């Protein structure tokens, strides 16, 4: 039993150590992986996705307006209300049939003349009508039924509403793409800047190593009397500058790494290694034949114009004839009259409704004009946005070409600076180069290296911006 317990503890310790070693390993990330992680973790993308899902459900809800609507109706009445009314009785005159079949008053006559008392005729016979008491009760009455309603023509409102919901769904989907494009731009910007910072660190390390080695050589030269302490101080100043630049470069790496982790949804202190590198391969080429209709912003405005067109139809529908049919089947029980139940039967009914607006003092006409003006305003906004997009494409294309030219120029400058540093070192070693000139050659090489790295990073960002401008990100 003790051996089993000891074995379990050992296995647990081994597992903890293994997991710790795995967790301690840096996470390797490519640009594509960072793009996917940013989209999955970003709340803006999630909101856009939910809005797109909401728009799809809206389309399904609007589609139901084409179909009949069924509903169950019913009521139950429990009331102590009781109505009673007495109809007074009395004597009623009588009538007798005449030769032509009509009824004639049964009047008392003398000598062929009707007998009158107080100006009123006297009848031979009277019928006695007794008092009648009427009572009605509404207690325990109920009804239940099934009703179906079907619109036939609503002035085109249902069709326009359905088309408007379809445009709304497209708009939400395009907005989701637009949000993702924004996230991808931020991700690529953070990714390449992080790589740029790490490359700049390598430049700072290389420069620091060169200056440090030169400082050690200068120390040896001072010790043997070949150089003065003043020369050593000048080199020390450059070494201090190199150490400061290296510290700044390391800080830039840490900050850029934290920024990338924030964008892709990782803890800020995560240890990550980026697998992509900066190179001088141009992957995107600008062209003059560009169609801005591929951009999500343009397509969003197009859908908004289409939605406004359907809104005009919906406004017009309120002032057109509307036709609908309905059917009802139900059962009613209750309502007593003189203690006799009056209702105990089922009912089947059909209803056709027709509404024709006649005159509204120009309200409908003016509302339709308002909707049309709003549509025209959106169309103008779309046309203006298209021009601005073309301008952005031209600007980003120019920036892309300029960035590529800068890469070529800085590459040439770097090669020249490297050769100049080699030649300067050789001349300095044989005494044909001053200390100041050699230190200047080292600085020129460092600056050329940094400029080349910055140009490569700028090229990657320019490619991203250009792809975003033409709607192909």
Protein backbone atom coordinates (compact mmCIF):
# COMPACT_ATOMS: atom_id res chain seq x y z
CA UNK A 1 0.00 0.00 0.00
CA UNK A 2 2.84 2.37 0.83
CA UNK A 3 4.61 1.50 -2.43
CA UNK A 4 1.47 2.35 -4.43
CA UNK A 5 1.12 5.67 -2.64
CA UNK A 6 4.77 6.51 -3.28
CA UNK A 7 4.43 5.54 -6.95
CA UNK A 8 1.35 7.80 -7.31
CA UNK A 9 3.21 10.75 -5.75
CA UNK A 10 6.20 10.24 -8.08
CA UNK A 11 3.96 10.09 -11.15
CA UNK A 12 2.16 13.25 -10.04
CA UNK A 13 5.47 15.11 -9.60
CA UNK A 14 6.66 13.95 -13.02
CA UNK A 15 3.41 15.10 -14.61
CA UNK A 16 3.63 18.51 -12.93
CA UNK A 17 7.21 18.94 -14.12
CA UNK A 18 6.26 17.90 -17.66
CA UNK A 19 3.32 20.29 -17.80
CA UNK A 20 5.48 23.09 -16.40
CA UNK A 21 8.12 22.49 -19.07
CA UNK A 22 5.47 22.51 -21.80
CA UNK A 23 3.94 25.68 -20.41
CA UNK A 24 7.35 27.29 -20.24
CA UNK A 25 7.96 26.75 -23.95
CA UNK A 26 7.26 29.85 -26.05
CA UNK A 27 4.26 29.75 -28.34
CA UNK A 28 5.17 29.91 -32.00
CA UNK A 29 2.78 32.00 -34.09
CA UNK A 30 2.59 32.73 -37.80
CA UNK A 31 0.87 35.74 -39.31
CA UNK A 32 -2.09 33.64 -40.42
CA UNK A 33 -2.50 32.15 -36.94
CA UNK A 34 -2.45 35.62 -35.41
CA UNK A 35 -5.12 36.77 -37.89
CA UNK A 36 -7.40 33.88 -36.94
CA UNK A 37 -6.83 34.35 -33.22
CA UNK A 38 -7.57 38.08 -33.45
CA UNK A 39 -10.88 37.50 -35.22
CA UNK A 40 -11.95 34.80 -32.78
CA UNK A 41 -11.09 36.77 -29.64
CA UNK A 42 -12.09 40.30 -30.67
CA UNK A 43 -15.35 41.58 -29.17
CA UNK A 44 -15.99 43.88 -32.14
CA UNK A 45 -15.97 40.90 -34.49
CA UNK A 46 -18.26 39.03 -32.11
CA UNK A 47 -20.75 41.92 -32.07
CA UNK A 48 -20.69 42.07 -35.86
CA UNK A 49 -21.26 38.33 -36.02
CA UNK A 50 -24.24 38.59 -33.66
CA UNK A 51 -25.71 41.45 -35.71
CA UNK A 52 -25.40 39.31 -38.82
CA UNK A 53 -27.16 36.45 -37.04
CA UNK A 54 -29.85 38.87 -35.87
CA UNK A 55 -30.42 40.03 -39.45
CA UNK A 56 -30.85 36.43 -40.62
CA UNK A 57 -33.49 35.80 -37.97
CA UNK A 58 -35.21 39.04 -39.01
CA UNK A 59 -35.51 37.73 -42.58
CA UNK A 60 -37.15 34.56 -41.29
CA UNK A 61 -39.52 36.58 -39.11
CA UNK A 62 -40.55 38.85 -42.01
CA UNK A 63 -41.08 35.82 -44.27
CA UNK A 64 -43.87 34.71 -41.91
CA UNK A 65 -45.95 37.72 -43.01
CA UNK A 66 -46.70 35.93 -46.29
CA UNK A 67 -48.34 33.01 -44.46
CA UNK A 68 -51.72 32.73 -42.69
CA UNK A 69 -51.83 33.56 -39.00
CA UNK A 70 -53.66 31.20 -36.66
CA UNK A 71 -54.78 32.09 -33.19
CA UNK A 72 -57.08 30.72 -30.53
CA UNK A 73 -59.46 33.18 -28.91
CA UNK A 74 -61.72 32.78 -25.93
CA UNK A 75 -63.34 34.46 -23.00
CA UNK A 76 -65.17 33.60 -19.81
CA UNK A 77 -67.59 35.93 -18.03
CA UNK A 78 -68.37 35.64 -14.33
CA UNK A 79 -70.62 38.51 -13.31
CA UNK A 80 -73.49 39.20 -10.97
CA UNK A 81 -75.05 41.56 -13.49
CA UNK A 82 -78.77 40.83 -13.94
CA UNK A 83 -81.16 42.86 -16.04
CA UNK A 84 -84.91 42.88 -15.32
CA UNK A 85 -87.63 44.79 -17.11
CA UNK A 86 -91.46 44.61 -16.88
CA UNK A 87 -93.64 45.31 -19.88
CA UNK A 88 -96.99 46.66 -18.70
CA UNK A 89 -100.07 44.84 -19.99
CA UNK A 90 -103.56 46.17 -20.92
CA UNK A 91 -106.48 45.85 -23.34
CA UNK A 92 -105.74 45.63 -27.01
CA UNK A 93 -108.21 46.39 -29.87
CA UNK A 94 -109.26 43.59 -32.22
CA UNK A 95 -109.46 43.31 -36.00
CA UNK A 96 -111.68 41.28 -38.33
CA UNK A 97 -111.00 40.14 -41.91
CA UNK A 98 -112.63 42.09 -44.71
CA UNK A 99 -113.90 40.76 -48.03
CA UNK A 100 -110.60 41.60 -49.76
CA UNK A 101 -108.63 39.64 -47.16
CA UNK A 102 -107.31 42.66 -45.28
CA UNK A 103 -107.82 43.23 -41.59
CA UNK A 104 -110.24 45.93 -40.53
CA UNK A 105 -110.79 47.38 -37.04
CA UNK A 106 -113.61 45.61 -35.21
CA UNK A 107 -115.43 48.88 -34.40
CA UNK A 108 -118.75 49.25 -32.70
CA UNK A 109 -121.12 51.14 -34.99
CA UNK A 110 -124.57 52.71 -34.71
CA UNK A 111 -126.33 53.51 -37.95
CA UNK A 112 -123.16 52.74 -39.79
CA UNK A 113 -121.18 55.26 -37.77
CA UNK A 114 -118.46 54.26 -35.29
CA UNK A 115 -119.21 54.90 -31.64
CA UNK A 116 -116.79 57.45 -30.16
CA UNK A 117 -116.00 58.09 -26.53
CA UNK A 118 -113.78 61.03 -25.70
CA UNK A 119 -112.78 61.17 -29.32
CA UNK A 120 -111.59 57.55 -29.38
CA UNK A 121 -113.37 54.75 -31.29
CA UNK A 122 -114.98 51.93 -29.33
CA UNK A 123 -114.29 48.35 -30.42
CA UNK A 124 -116.76 45.46 -30.21
CA UNK A 125 -114.11 43.26 -28.57
CA UNK A 126 -110.86 43.78 -26.70
CA UNK A 127 -107.97 41.36 -26.05
CA UNK A 128 -106.37 41.42 -22.62
CA UNK A 129 -102.52 41.58 -22.57
CA UNK A 130 -101.05 40.78 -19.12
CA UNK A 131 -97.86 42.30 -17.68
CA UNK A 132 -94.63 40.54 -18.86
CA UNK A 133 -91.43 40.44 -16.79
CA UNK A 134 -88.14 40.01 -18.71
CA UNK A 135 -84.82 39.03 -17.09
CA UNK A 136 -81.33 38.43 -18.50
CA UNK A 137 -78.21 36.94 -16.81
CA UNK A 138 -74.65 37.06 -18.14
CA UNK A 139 -73.00 34.84 -15.53
CA UNK A 140 -70.91 31.79 -16.57
CA UNK A 141 -70.80 32.67 -20.25
CA UNK A 142 -67.77 31.54 -22.27
CA UNK A 143 -66.49 31.31 -25.80
CA UNK A 144 -63.59 29.54 -27.49
CA UNK A 145 -62.64 29.54 -31.14
CA UNK A 146 -59.96 29.29 -33.81
CA UNK A 147 -59.27 32.27 -36.05
CA UNK A 148 -57.17 32.36 -39.23
CA UNK A 149 -56.12 35.59 -40.98
CA UNK A 150 -54.56 35.91 -44.43
CA UNK A 151 -53.48 39.20 -46.01
CA UNK A 152 -54.19 39.34 -49.74
CA UNK A 153 -52.86 42.76 -50.71
CA UNK A 154 -51.29 45.22 -48.29
CA UNK A 155 -50.22 47.79 -50.84
CA UNK A 156 -46.91 45.95 -51.39
CA UNK A 157 -45.78 46.51 -47.79
CA UNK A 158 -45.13 42.83 -47.05
CA UNK A 159 -43.04 42.27 -50.18
CA UNK A 160 -41.10 45.51 -49.62
CA UNK A 161 -40.53 44.61 -45.98
CA UNK A 162 -39.21 41.19 -46.99
CA UNK A 163 -36.82 42.69 -49.55
CA UNK A 164 -35.71 45.28 -47.02
CA UNK A 165 -34.90 42.54 -44.50
CA UNK A 166 -32.87 40.71 -47.16
CA UNK A 167 -30.86 43.87 -47.81
CA UNK A 168 -30.45 44.26 -44.05
CA UNK A 169 -29.04 40.73 -43.82
CA UNK A 170 -26.56 41.48 -46.60
CA UNK A 171 -25.63 44.74 -44.88
CA UNK A 172 -24.96 42.94 -41.60
CA UNK A 173 -22.83 40.32 -43.37
CA UNK A 174 -20.80 43.02 -45.14
CA UNK A 175 -20.40 44.89 -41.85
CA UNK A 176 -19.02 41.70 -40.36
CA UNK A 177 -16.45 41.62 -43.18
CA UNK A 178 -15.66 45.29 -42.57
CA UNK A 179 -15.07 44.63 -38.87
CA UNK A 180 -12.83 41.69 -39.69
CA UNK A 181 -10.84 43.84 -42.12
CA UNK A 182 -10.23 46.38 -39.36
CA UNK A 183 -9.08 43.63 -37.04
CA UNK A 184 -6.80 42.14 -39.69
CA UNK A 185 -5.20 45.53 -40.35
CA UNK A 186 -4.57 46.00 -36.63
CA UNK A 187 -3.21 42.46 -36.35
CA UNK A 188 -0.82 42.79 -39.28
CA UNK A 189 0.32 46.18 -38.05
CA UNK A 190 1.06 44.77 -34.59
CA UNK A 191 2.66 41.63 -36.05
CA UNK A 192 5.08 43.37 -38.41
CA UNK A 193 5.94 46.03 -35.86
CA UNK A 194 6.79 43.29 -33.40
CA UNK A 195 9.04 41.64 -35.98
CA UNK A 196 10.52 45.04 -36.81
CA UNK A 197 11.30 45.60 -33.12
CA UNK A 198 13.04 42.22 -32.90
CA UNK A 199 15.04 42.90 -36.06
CA UNK A 200 16.00 46.30 -34.68
CA UNK A 201 17.20 44.50 -31.55
CA UNK A 202 19.47 42.36 -33.71
CA UNK A 203 20.79 45.51 -35.35
CA UNK A 204 21.41 47.05 -31.92
CA UNK A 205 23.17 43.85 -30.72
CA UNK A 206 25.36 43.72 -33.80
CA UNK A 207 26.34 47.35 -33.43
CA UNK A 208 26.96 46.85 -29.71
CA UNK A 209 29.18 43.82 -30.42
CA UNK A 210 31.18 45.77 -33.02
CA UNK A 211 31.70 48.74 -30.70
CA UNK A 212 32.46 46.49 -27.70
CA UNK A 213 35.09 44.59 -29.66
CA UNK A 214 36.55 47.85 -30.89
CA UNK A 215 36.59 49.13 -27.30
CA UNK A 216 38.54 46.07 -26.14
CA UNK A 217 41.02 46.54 -28.96
CA UNK A 218 41.35 50.21 -28.05
CA UNK A 219 41.99 49.26 -24.40
CA UNK A 220 44.81 46.98 -25.46
CA UNK A 221 46.21 49.73 -27.69
CA UNK A 222 46.13 52.22 -24.80
CA UNK A 223 47.89 49.76 -22.50
CA UNK A 224 50.79 49.34 -24.91
CA UNK A 225 50.92 53.07 -25.59
CA UNK A 226 49.68 52.94 -29.18
CA UNK A 227 46.58 55.01 -28.37
CA UNK A 228 45.84 57.78 -25.92
CA UNK A 229 43.20 57.64 -23.16
CA UNK A 230 41.34 60.34 -25.06
CA UNK A 231 40.72 57.88 -27.87
CA UNK A 232 39.43 55.35 -25.37
CA UNK A 233 37.00 57.92 -23.95
CA UNK A 234 35.60 58.58 -27.44
CA UNK A 235 35.04 54.87 -28.00
CA UNK A 236 33.54 54.54 -24.49
CA UNK A 237 31.01 57.21 -25.42
CA UNK A 238 29.96 55.22 -28.49
CA UNK A 239 29.76 52.03 -26.37
CA UNK A 240 27.49 53.77 -23.87
CA UNK A 241 25.29 54.93 -26.73
CA UNK A 242 25.18 51.35 -28.11
CA UNK A 243 24.17 49.93 -24.70
CA UNK A 244 21.40 52.54 -24.36
CA UNK A 245 20.11 51.78 -27.85
CA UNK A 246 20.15 48.06 -27.07
CA UNK A 247 18.14 48.62 -23.89
CA UNK A 248 15.63 50.72 -25.81
CA UNK A 249 15.38 48.03 -28.49
CA UNK A 250 14.69 45.36 -25.86
CA UNK A 251 11.99 47.54 -24.33
CA UNK A 252 10.45 48.05 -27.78
CA UNK A 253 10.37 44.27 -28.29
CA UNK A 254 8.60 43.76 -24.97
CA UNK A 255 6.03 46.48 -25.64
CA UNK A 256 5.35 45.38 -29.22
CA UNK A 257 4.98 41.78 -28.06
CA UNK A 258 2.49 42.83 -25.38
CA UNK A 259 0.57 44.85 -27.97
CA UNK A 260 0.36 41.86 -30.31
CA UNK A 261 -0.81 39.63 -27.44
CA UNK A 262 -3.51 42.18 -26.65
CA UNK A 263 -4.69 42.24 -30.27
CA UNK A 264 -4.88 38.45 -30.62
CA UNK A 265 -6.39 37.85 -27.20
CA UNK A 266 -3.46 36.34 -25.29
CA UNK A 267 -2.27 37.39 -21.82
CA UNK A 268 0.05 40.36 -22.16
CA UNK A 269 2.98 38.50 -20.60
CA UNK A 270 2.73 35.48 -22.92
CA UNK A 271 5.99 34.24 -24.36
CA UNK A 272 5.55 34.18 -28.14
CA UNK A 273 7.86 33.56 -31.06
CA UNK A 274 6.88 34.86 -34.49
CA UNK A 275 7.73 32.52 -37.35
CA UNK A 276 7.58 35.03 -40.22
CA UNK A 277 10.54 37.21 -41.16
CA UNK A 278 11.13 40.43 -42.99
CA UNK A 279 12.44 39.95 -46.53
CA UNK A 280 12.67 42.02 -49.67
CA UNK A 281 10.22 39.91 -51.68
CA UNK A 282 7.39 42.05 -53.00
CA UNK A 283 4.13 40.07 -52.78
CA UNK A 284 1.70 42.78 -53.96
CA UNK A 285 1.89 44.87 -57.10
CA UNK A 286 -0.23 47.97 -57.62
CA UNK A 287 -2.39 48.36 -60.72
CA UNK A 288 -4.34 51.17 -62.32
CA UNK A 289 -7.33 48.93 -63.10
CA UNK A 290 -9.05 48.96 -59.72
CA UNK A 291 -12.73 48.43 -58.97
CA UNK A 292 -13.67 49.96 -55.61
CA UNK A 293 -17.03 48.19 -55.67
CA UNK A 294 -15.26 45.25 -54.01
CA UNK A 295 -14.68 47.29 -50.87
CA UNK A 296 -16.96 46.51 -47.97
CA UNK A 297 -17.66 50.23 -47.36
CA UNK A 298 -18.96 50.62 -50.92
CA UNK A 299 -21.14 47.52 -50.71
CA UNK A 300 -22.54 48.65 -47.35
CA UNK A 301 -23.61 51.99 -48.82
CA UNK A 302 -25.12 50.19 -51.83
CA UNK A 303 -27.26 48.03 -49.56
CA UNK A 304 -28.34 51.12 -47.59
CA UNK A 305 -29.50 52.79 -50.82
CA UNK A 306 -31.42 49.63 -51.76
CA UNK A 307 -33.02 49.51 -48.30
CA UNK A 308 -34.09 53.14 -48.61
CA UNK A 309 -35.74 52.28 -51.95
CA UNK A 310 -37.81 49.58 -50.25
CA UNK A 311 -38.65 52.05 -47.49
CA UNK A 312 -40.20 54.32 -50.13
CA UNK A 313 -42.46 51.43 -51.16
CA UNK A 314 -43.42 50.77 -47.54
CA UNK A 315 -44.40 54.41 -47.03
CA UNK A 316 -46.44 54.34 -50.24
CA UNK A 317 -48.18 51.11 -49.15
CA UNK A 318 -49.82 52.90 -46.20
CA UNK A 319 -51.85 54.95 -48.69
CA UNK A 320 -52.89 52.14 -51.06
CA UNK A 321 -55.91 49.79 -50.79
CA UNK A 322 -55.47 46.86 -48.43
CA UNK A 323 -57.36 43.57 -48.69
CA UNK A 324 -57.43 40.69 -46.22
CA UNK A 325 -59.60 37.67 -45.40
CA UNK A 326 -60.26 35.93 -42.10
CA UNK A 327 -62.08 32.84 -40.97
CA UNK A 328 -63.48 31.94 -37.57
CA UNK A 329 -64.84 28.77 -35.99
CA UNK A 330 -65.86 28.72 -32.35
CA UNK A 331 -68.27 27.63 -29.67
CA UNK A 332 -70.28 29.89 -27.36
CA UNK A 333 -72.18 28.91 -24.22
CA UNK A 334 -74.10 31.06 -21.77
CA UNK A 335 -76.43 34.10 -21.54
CA UNK A 336 -79.71 33.18 -19.85
CA UNK A 337 -82.95 34.89 -20.80
CA UNK A 338 -85.86 34.30 -18.42
CA UNK A 339 -83.88 31.35 -16.96
CA UNK A 340 -83.48 29.82 -20.41
CA UNK A 341 -79.95 29.39 -21.89
CA UNK A 342 -79.90 31.25 -25.19
CA UNK A 343 -76.43 30.31 -26.52
CA UNK A 344 -75.15 26.75 -26.82
CA UNK A 345 -73.83 26.34 -30.33
CA UNK A 346 -70.83 26.54 -32.62
CA UNK A 347 -70.21 29.31 -35.12
CA UNK A 348 -68.48 29.37 -38.52
CA UNK A 349 -67.82 32.75 -40.09
CA UNK A 350 -65.76 34.32 -42.86
CA UNK A 351 -64.73 37.96 -43.12
CA UNK A 352 -63.35 39.99 -46.00
CA UNK A 353 -61.92 43.41 -45.17
CA UNK A 354 -61.10 46.12 -47.68
CA UNK A 355 -59.59 49.47 -46.75
CA UNK A 356 -59.22 52.23 -49.36
CA UNK A 357 -57.60 55.50 -48.19
CA UNK A 358 -59.31 58.49 -49.77
CA UNK A 359 -57.95 61.80 -48.55
CA UNK A 360 -55.25 62.72 -46.02
CA UNK A 361 -54.52 66.35 -46.93
CA UNK A 362 -51.38 65.36 -48.82
CA UNK A 363 -49.79 63.50 -45.89
CA UNK A 364 -48.95 60.37 -47.89
CA UNK A 365 -47.69 62.31 -50.91
CA UNK A 366 -45.31 64.34 -48.76
CA UNK A 367 -44.08 61.32 -46.78
CA UNK A 368 -43.24 59.54 -50.03
CA UNK A 369 -41.32 62.61 -51.19
CA UNK A 370 -39.38 62.65 -47.92
CA UNK A 371 -38.41 59.00 -48.36
CA UNK A 372 -37.33 59.63 -51.96
CA UNK A 373 -35.18 62.59 -50.91
CA UNK A 374 -33.53 60.45 -48.23
CA UNK A 375 -32.74 57.83 -50.86
CA UNK A 376 -31.24 60.47 -53.13
CA UNK A 377 -29.08 61.75 -50.27
CA UNK A 378 -27.75 58.24 -49.70
CA UNK A 379 -27.02 57.89 -53.40
CA UNK A 380 -25.04 61.14 -53.33
CA UNK A 381 -23.14 59.85 -50.30
CA UNK A 382 -22.37 56.65 -52.21
CA UNK A 383 -21.08 58.57 -55.23
CA UNK A 384 -18.92 60.78 -53.03
CA UNK A 385 -17.58 57.80 -51.11
CA UNK A 386 -16.63 56.09 -54.40
CA UNK A 387 -14.51 59.10 -55.36
CA UNK A 388 -12.85 59.15 -51.94
CA UNK A 389 -12.14 55.42 -52.21
CA UNK A 390 -10.48 55.90 -55.59
CA UNK A 391 -8.33 58.61 -54.02
CA UNK A 392 -7.37 56.26 -51.18
CA UNK A 393 -6.46 53.53 -53.66
CA UNK A 394 -4.19 55.95 -55.54
CA UNK A 395 -2.56 57.11 -52.31
CA UNK A 396 -1.99 53.57 -51.06
CA UNK A 397 -0.66 52.49 -54.46
CA UNK A 398 1.82 55.36 -54.41
CA UNK A 399 2.82 54.47 -50.85
CA UNK A 400 3.33 50.84 -51.89
CA UNK A 401 5.56 51.83 -54.83
CA UNK A 402 7.47 54.29 -52.67
CA UNK A 403 7.96 51.65 -49.96
CA UNK A 404 9.33 49.20 -52.50
CA UNK A 405 11.68 51.86 -53.87
CA UNK A 406 12.79 52.64 -50.32
CA UNK A 407 13.62 48.96 -49.75
CA UNK A 408 15.79 48.91 -52.85
CA UNK A 409 17.54 52.15 -51.94
CA UNK A 410 18.17 51.19 -48.32
CA UNK A 411 19.41 47.77 -49.45
CA UNK A 412 21.95 49.44 -51.69
CA UNK A 413 22.90 51.84 -48.90
CA UNK A 414 23.35 48.94 -46.47
CA UNK A 415 25.66 47.12 -48.84
CA UNK A 416 27.69 50.30 -49.32
CA UNK A 417 27.80 50.92 -45.57
CA UNK A 418 28.98 47.34 -44.92
CA UNK A 419 31.76 47.66 -47.47
CA UNK A 420 32.64 51.10 -46.15
CA UNK A 421 32.92 49.68 -42.62
CA UNK A 422 35.27 46.93 -43.82
CA UNK A 423 37.42 49.39 -45.74
CA UNK A 424 37.43 51.83 -42.81
CA UNK A 425 38.53 49.09 -40.40
CA UNK A 426 41.35 48.09 -42.72
CA UNK A 427 42.50 51.69 -43.13
CA UNK A 428 42.25 52.34 -39.39
CA UNK A 429 44.33 49.29 -38.57
CA UNK A 430 47.16 50.52 -40.83
CA UNK A 431 46.83 54.08 -39.61
CA UNK A 432 45.27 55.58 -42.71
CA UNK A 433 41.91 56.35 -41.00
CA UNK A 434 41.23 58.62 -38.06
CA UNK A 435 39.32 57.36 -35.03
CA UNK A 436 36.48 59.80 -35.66
CA UNK A 437 36.09 58.63 -39.26
CA UNK A 438 36.05 54.97 -38.22
CA UNK A 439 33.45 55.61 -35.51
CA UNK A 440 31.42 57.48 -38.12
CA UNK A 441 31.65 54.46 -40.44
CA UNK A 442 30.28 52.26 -37.65
CA UNK A 443 27.39 54.68 -37.07
CA UNK A 444 26.64 54.82 -40.78
CA UNK A 445 26.50 51.02 -40.92
CA UNK A 446 24.15 50.93 -37.91
CA UNK A 447 21.86 53.59 -39.38
CA UNK A 448 21.79 51.86 -42.76
CA UNK A 449 20.89 48.56 -41.11
CA UNK A 450 18.09 50.21 -39.12
CA UNK A 451 16.77 52.04 -42.20
CA UNK A 452 16.69 48.78 -44.15
CA UNK A 453 14.72 47.01 -41.41
CA UNK A 454 12.27 49.91 -41.18
CA UNK A 455 11.83 49.92 -44.96
CA UNK A 456 11.05 46.18 -45.00
CA UNK A 457 8.46 46.57 -42.25
CA UNK A 458 6.95 49.60 -44.01
CA UNK A 459 6.67 47.55 -47.21
CA UNK A 460 4.66 44.85 -45.42
CA UNK A 461 2.33 47.47 -43.90
CA UNK A 462 1.98 49.24 -47.26
CA UNK A 463 0.95 45.95 -48.87
CA UNK A 464 -1.69 45.47 -46.18
CA UNK A 465 -3.03 48.99 -46.65
CA UNK A 466 -3.19 48.61 -50.43
CA UNK A 467 -5.05 45.29 -50.20
CA UNK A 468 -7.51 46.91 -47.80
CA UNK A 469 -8.06 49.80 -50.24
CA UNK A 470 -8.93 47.53 -53.16
CA UNK A 471 -11.13 45.23 -51.04
CA UNK A 472 -8.92 42.14 -51.25
CA UNK A 473 -7.56 41.90 -47.74
